Protein backbone atom coordinates (compact mmCIF):
# COMPACT_ATOMS: atom_id res chain seq x y z
CA MET A 1 -277.45 -48.09 -94.29
CA ALA A 2 -278.02 -47.43 -90.56
CA ALA A 3 -277.21 -51.06 -89.76
CA ASP A 4 -273.82 -50.67 -91.46
CA PHE A 5 -273.13 -47.58 -89.33
CA VAL A 6 -274.04 -49.44 -86.13
CA ASP A 7 -271.95 -52.47 -87.14
CA GLY A 8 -269.01 -50.20 -87.91
CA ASN A 9 -269.28 -48.43 -84.56
CA ALA A 10 -269.54 -51.75 -82.72
CA PHE A 11 -266.47 -53.04 -84.58
CA ASN A 12 -264.49 -49.89 -83.81
CA PHE A 13 -265.48 -50.03 -80.14
CA GLU A 14 -264.42 -53.68 -79.95
CA GLN A 15 -261.08 -52.88 -81.59
CA GLY A 16 -260.54 -50.08 -79.08
CA GLN A 17 -261.27 -52.43 -76.20
CA ARG A 18 -258.74 -54.93 -77.56
CA ALA A 19 -256.12 -52.20 -77.87
CA ARG A 20 -256.74 -51.07 -74.27
CA LYS A 21 -256.33 -54.65 -73.05
CA LEU A 22 -253.07 -54.96 -74.96
CA PHE A 23 -251.69 -51.80 -73.37
CA ALA A 24 -252.95 -52.92 -69.95
CA ALA A 25 -250.90 -56.09 -70.44
CA VAL A 26 -247.84 -53.91 -71.09
CA VAL A 27 -248.50 -52.05 -67.82
CA LEU A 28 -248.75 -55.37 -65.96
CA ALA A 29 -245.48 -56.52 -67.53
CA ALA A 30 -243.80 -53.27 -66.45
CA LEU A 31 -245.05 -53.85 -62.90
CA ASP A 32 -243.70 -57.41 -62.90
CA ASP A 33 -240.33 -56.17 -64.19
CA ALA A 34 -240.19 -53.54 -61.45
CA ILE A 35 -241.08 -56.17 -58.82
CA ALA A 36 -238.26 -58.38 -60.13
CA ASP A 37 -235.88 -55.40 -59.99
CA ASP A 38 -237.01 -54.69 -56.44
CA LYS A 39 -236.24 -58.23 -55.33
CA LYS A 40 -232.89 -58.22 -57.12
CA TYR A 41 -231.61 -54.66 -56.65
CA GLY A 42 -234.04 -53.03 -54.20
CA ASN A 43 -235.02 -50.21 -56.57
CA GLY A 44 -238.36 -51.41 -57.97
CA PRO A 45 -240.57 -48.52 -56.85
CA GLU A 46 -238.12 -45.98 -58.26
CA GLN A 47 -237.95 -47.91 -61.54
CA ILE A 48 -241.73 -48.00 -62.03
CA ALA A 49 -241.99 -44.31 -61.10
CA ARG A 50 -239.30 -43.40 -63.62
CA TRP A 51 -241.10 -45.46 -66.30
CA ALA A 52 -244.56 -44.08 -65.47
CA ARG A 53 -243.28 -40.49 -65.61
CA SER A 54 -241.43 -41.04 -68.88
CA ARG A 55 -242.98 -40.10 -72.19
CA ASP A 56 -243.38 -43.76 -73.21
CA GLY A 57 -244.81 -44.72 -69.84
CA ARG A 58 -247.38 -41.92 -69.91
CA GLU A 59 -248.36 -42.92 -73.44
CA VAL A 60 -248.79 -46.59 -72.50
CA LEU A 61 -250.80 -45.71 -69.40
CA SER A 62 -253.04 -43.41 -71.43
CA CYS A 63 -253.59 -46.06 -74.10
CA ALA A 64 -254.48 -48.54 -71.35
CA GLY A 65 -257.18 -46.12 -70.17
CA ILE A 66 -255.23 -45.01 -67.08
CA ASP A 67 -254.74 -41.30 -66.37
CA PRO A 68 -250.97 -40.91 -65.91
CA ASN A 69 -251.04 -38.57 -62.91
CA GLU A 70 -248.98 -38.55 -59.70
CA ARG A 71 -251.66 -40.44 -57.77
CA VAL A 72 -251.35 -43.30 -60.25
CA VAL A 73 -247.54 -43.19 -59.99
CA SER A 74 -247.82 -43.42 -56.20
CA GLY A 75 -250.18 -46.37 -56.51
CA LEU A 76 -247.84 -48.16 -58.91
CA MET A 77 -244.94 -47.57 -56.52
CA ALA A 78 -246.96 -48.94 -53.58
CA PHE A 79 -247.96 -51.98 -55.63
CA VAL A 80 -244.33 -52.72 -56.51
CA GLY A 81 -243.36 -52.15 -52.88
CA ASN A 82 -245.79 -54.87 -51.82
CA GLY A 83 -243.81 -57.33 -53.93
CA VAL A 84 -246.79 -59.40 -55.07
CA ARG A 85 -246.58 -60.30 -58.76
CA THR A 86 -249.51 -59.16 -60.88
CA SER A 87 -250.64 -62.69 -61.79
CA VAL A 88 -250.88 -63.54 -58.10
CA ALA A 89 -252.50 -60.23 -57.14
CA LEU A 90 -255.16 -60.65 -59.82
CA SER A 91 -255.99 -64.22 -58.88
CA ARG A 92 -259.15 -64.98 -56.97
CA GLU A 93 -257.31 -66.99 -54.33
CA GLU A 94 -255.11 -64.05 -53.39
CA SER A 95 -258.06 -61.68 -53.07
CA GLU A 96 -259.92 -64.23 -50.93
CA ARG A 97 -256.85 -64.70 -48.72
CA ARG A 98 -256.49 -60.94 -48.26
CA SER A 99 -260.16 -60.47 -47.40
CA GLN A 100 -259.92 -63.27 -44.83
CA ALA A 101 -256.80 -61.72 -43.34
CA GLU A 102 -258.53 -58.33 -43.09
CA ALA A 103 -261.58 -59.90 -41.44
CA ALA A 104 -259.43 -61.65 -38.80
């Protein structure tokens, strides 16, 4: 009986982790969309801020495990302002290049 309880908890935890990853992917897609808007129209940071402050944006951020506060909104705006797509920013090569640039 106790083994079933542990298995059930482990399964529920794993499902929760999968759901958080799914919502995190939505956040990354929103960032990429805002970066594209910034390159096209010059309003990317404002777009991501509007989304992050909206009811849906706050819900998605919360489900991704991110506290939807103003500090987070500022960070999202700064990220979009940098103009580096999320796939590039998350790659190992980009982080190595940045650390080398900071060391120089």
